[in-house]
Amino acid sequence: MTLIRTQVLLESDTVDKLKILAARQGRSVSELVRELVKVGLEREQMEELQRISALLKEFQQIRTEVAAQPGEIPSDILEKTRNERQRELGDALWGQSS
């Protein structure tokens, strides 16, 4: 793992708390901050995956509800519209009427 020096501005009480916690654990403040940032980023990533999962479940539910409805579903309507447009273009191009 390559470490890159960076600068972060923290409030003095936060720095004091970090120093106390690092001393209790026998670690440097830098090591503690790296771990806390890593854990925070992992948690954020997990929360993002949970949000995506919830959206996918919602999408699947909507898809199931739409598929259960009688009549045409949106993909059928799109295909029907495309076919009609192709027929219109063919008629216009070749001078034929439907």
C-alpha atoms as a PDB file:
ATOM      1  CA  MET A   1       0.000   0.000   0.000  1.00  0.00           C
ATOM      2  CA  THR A   2       1.393   3.366  -1.007  1.00  0.00           C
ATOM      3  CA  LEU A   3       0.730   6.181   1.426  1.00  0.00           C
ATOM      4  CA  ILE A   4       0.276   9.724   0.150  1.00  0.00           C
ATOM      5  CA  ARG A   5       0.790  12.700   2.397  1.00  0.00           C
ATOM      6  CA  THR A   6      -2.254  14.925   2.578  1.00  0.00           C
ATOM      7  CA  GLN A   7      -3.453  17.724   4.774  1.00  0.00           C
ATOM      8  CA  VAL A   8      -6.797  17.807   6.519  1.00  0.00           C
ATOM      9  CA  LEU A   9      -8.070  20.622   8.703  1.00  0.00           C
ATOM     10  CA  LEU A  10      -9.822  19.414  11.849  1.00  0.00           C
ATOM     11  CA  GLU A  11     -11.329  21.249  14.788  1.00  0.00           C
ATOM     12  CA  SER A  12      -9.104  21.309  17.856  1.00  0.00           C
ATOM     13  CA  ASP A  13     -11.493  19.220  19.984  1.00  0.00           C
ATOM     14  CA  THR A  14     -11.527  16.541  17.268  1.00  0.00           C
ATOM     15  CA  VAL A  15      -7.722  16.453  17.233  1.00  0.00           C
ATOM     16  CA  ASP A  16      -7.692  16.172  21.038  1.00  0.00           C
ATOM     17  CA  LYS A  17     -10.116  13.223  20.901  1.00  0.00           C
ATOM     18  CA  LEU A  18      -8.026  11.545  18.193  1.00  0.00           C
ATOM     19  CA  LYS A  19      -4.858  11.947  20.273  1.00  0.00           C
ATOM     20  CA  ILE A  20      -6.514  10.456  23.354  1.00  0.00           C
ATOM     21  CA  LEU A  21      -7.972   7.523  21.435  1.00  0.00           C
ATOM     22  CA  ALA A  22      -4.694   6.860  19.602  1.00  0.00           C
ATOM     23  CA  ALA A  23      -2.784   6.909  22.923  1.00  0.00           C
ATOM     24  CA  ARG A  24      -5.258   4.461  24.499  1.00  0.00           C
ATOM     25  CA  GLN A  25      -4.807   2.101  21.563  1.00  0.00           C
ATOM     26  CA  GLY A  26      -1.034   2.566  21.383  1.00  0.00           C
ATOM     27  CA  ARG A  27      -1.221   3.838  17.812  1.00  0.00           C
ATOM     28  CA  SER A  28      -0.322   6.997  15.978  1.00  0.00           C
ATOM     29  CA  VAL A  29      -2.973   9.567  15.152  1.00  0.00           C
ATOM     30  CA  SER A  30      -2.188   9.037  11.450  1.00  0.00           C
ATOM     31  CA  GLU A  31      -2.816   5.304  11.714  1.00  0.00           C
ATOM     32  CA  LEU A  32      -6.067   5.905  13.580  1.00  0.00           C
ATOM     33  CA  VAL A  33      -7.266   8.488  11.050  1.00  0.00           C
ATOM     34  CA  ARG A  34      -6.442   6.129   8.137  1.00  0.00           C
ATOM     35  CA  GLU A  35      -8.484   3.370   9.750  1.00  0.00           C
ATOM     36  CA  LEU A  36     -11.410   5.663  10.552  1.00  0.00           C
ATOM     37  CA  VAL A  37     -11.472   6.999   6.988  1.00  0.00           C
ATOM     38  CA  LYS A  38     -11.308   3.459   5.581  1.00  0.00           C
ATOM     39  CA  VAL A  39     -14.162   2.284   7.810  1.00  0.00           C
ATOM     40  CA  GLY A  40     -16.217   5.362   6.923  1.00  0.00           C
ATOM     41  CA  LEU A  41     -15.696   4.810   3.199  1.00  0.00           C
ATOM     42  CA  GLU A  42     -16.593   1.122   3.503  1.00  0.00           C
ATOM     43  CA  ARG A  43     -19.770   2.031   5.381  1.00  0.00           C
ATOM     44  CA  GLU A  44     -20.676   4.614   2.726  1.00  0.00           C
ATOM     45  CA  GLN A  45     -20.116   2.027  -0.001  1.00  0.00           C
ATOM     46  CA  MET A  46     -22.301  -0.502   1.847  1.00  0.00           C
ATOM     47  CA  GLU A  47     -25.073   2.080   2.276  1.00  0.00           C
ATOM     48  CA  GLU A  48     -24.859   2.907  -1.442  1.00  0.00           C
ATOM     49  CA  LEU A  49     -25.167  -0.778  -2.320  1.00  0.00           C
ATOM     50  CA  GLN A  50     -28.178  -1.057  -0.021  1.00  0.00           C
ATOM     51  CA  ARG A  51     -29.806   1.960  -1.722  1.00  0.00           C
ATOM     52  CA  ILE A  52     -29.155   0.426  -5.142  1.00  0.00           C
ATOM     53  CA  SER A  53     -30.527  -2.912  -3.979  1.00  0.00           C
ATOM     54  CA  ALA A  54     -33.693  -1.236  -2.683  1.00  0.00           C
ATOM     55  CA  LEU A  55     -34.143   0.590  -6.000  1.00  0.00           C
ATOM     56  CA  LEU A  56     -33.686  -2.649  -7.939  1.00  0.00           C
ATOM     57  CA  LYS A  57     -36.290  -4.376  -5.767  1.00  0.00           C
ATOM     58  CA  GLU A  58     -38.670  -1.469  -6.335  1.00  0.00           C
ATOM     59  CA  PHE A  59     -38.025  -1.599 -10.086  1.00  0.00           C
ATOM     60  CA  GLN A  60     -38.654  -5.371 -10.129  1.00  0.00           C
ATOM     61  CA  GLN A  61     -41.915  -4.863  -8.238  1.00  0.00           C
ATOM     62  CA  ILE A  62     -43.063  -2.204 -10.709  1.00  0.00           C
ATOM     63  CA  ARG A  63     -42.049  -4.429 -13.599  1.00  0.00           C
ATOM     64  CA  THR A  64     -44.042  -7.330 -12.142  1.00  0.00           C
ATOM     65  CA  GLU A  65     -47.085  -5.100 -11.620  1.00  0.00           C
ATOM     66  CA  VAL A  66     -46.916  -3.760 -15.173  1.00  0.00           C
ATOM     67  CA  ALA A  67     -46.531  -7.257 -16.611  1.00  0.00           C
ATOM     68  CA  ALA A  68     -49.600  -8.403 -14.657  1.00  0.00           C
ATOM     69  CA  GLN A  69     -51.791  -5.665 -16.116  1.00  0.00           C
ATOM     70  CA  PRO A  70     -54.025  -6.681 -19.014  1.00  0.00           C
ATOM     71  CA  GLY A  71     -53.337  -5.203 -22.409  1.00  0.00           C
ATOM     72  CA  GLU A  72     -50.174  -3.940 -23.935  1.00  0.00           C
ATOM     73  CA  ILE A  73     -47.105  -3.330 -21.833  1.00  0.00           C
ATOM     74  CA  PRO A  74     -44.790  -0.424 -22.686  1.00  0.00           C
ATOM     75  CA  SER A  75     -42.268  -2.567 -24.604  1.00  0.00           C
ATOM     76  CA  ASP A  76     -45.121  -3.841 -26.822  1.00  0.00           C
ATOM     77  CA  ILE A  77     -46.299  -0.280 -27.429  1.00  0.00           C
ATOM     78  CA  LEU A  78     -42.782   0.777 -28.409  1.00  0.00           C
ATOM     79  CA  GLU A  79     -42.415  -2.143 -30.814  1.00  0.00           C
ATOM     80  CA  LYS A  80     -45.846  -1.449 -32.310  1.00  0.00           C
ATOM     81  CA  THR A  81     -44.952   2.236 -32.798  1.00  0.00           C
ATOM     82  CA  ARG A  82     -41.661   1.307 -34.473  1.00  0.00           C
ATOM     83  CA  ASN A  83     -43.388  -1.092 -36.847  1.00  0.00           C
ATOM     84  CA  GLU A  84     -46.009   1.495 -37.759  1.00  0.00           C
ATOM     85  CA  ARG A  85     -43.308   4.110 -38.400  1.00  0.00           C
ATOM     86  CA  GLN A  86     -41.315   1.722 -40.584  1.00  0.00           C
ATOM     87  CA  ARG A  87     -44.465   0.932 -42.577  1.00  0.00           C
ATOM     88  CA  GLU A  88     -45.173   4.669 -42.994  1.00  0.00           C
ATOM     89  CA  LEU A  89     -41.628   5.317 -44.182  1.00  0.00           C
ATOM     90  CA  GLY A  90     -41.828   2.389 -46.593  1.00  0.00           C
ATOM     91  CA  ASP A  91     -45.129   3.667 -47.969  1.00  0.00           C
ATOM     92  CA  ALA A  92     -43.698   7.164 -48.382  1.00  0.00           C
ATOM     93  CA  LEU A  93     -40.559   5.843 -50.034  1.00  0.00           C
ATOM     94  CA  TRP A  94     -42.263   3.449 -52.431  1.00  0.00           C
ATOM     95  CA  GLY A  95     -45.466   5.465 -52.949  1.00  0.00           C
ATOM     96  CA  GLN A  96     -47.691   2.750 -51.578  1.00  0.00           C
ATOM     97  CA  SER A  97     -50.669   3.204 -49.327  1.00  0.00           C
ATOM     98  CA  SER A  98     -51.633   0.933 -46.451  1.00  0.00           C
END
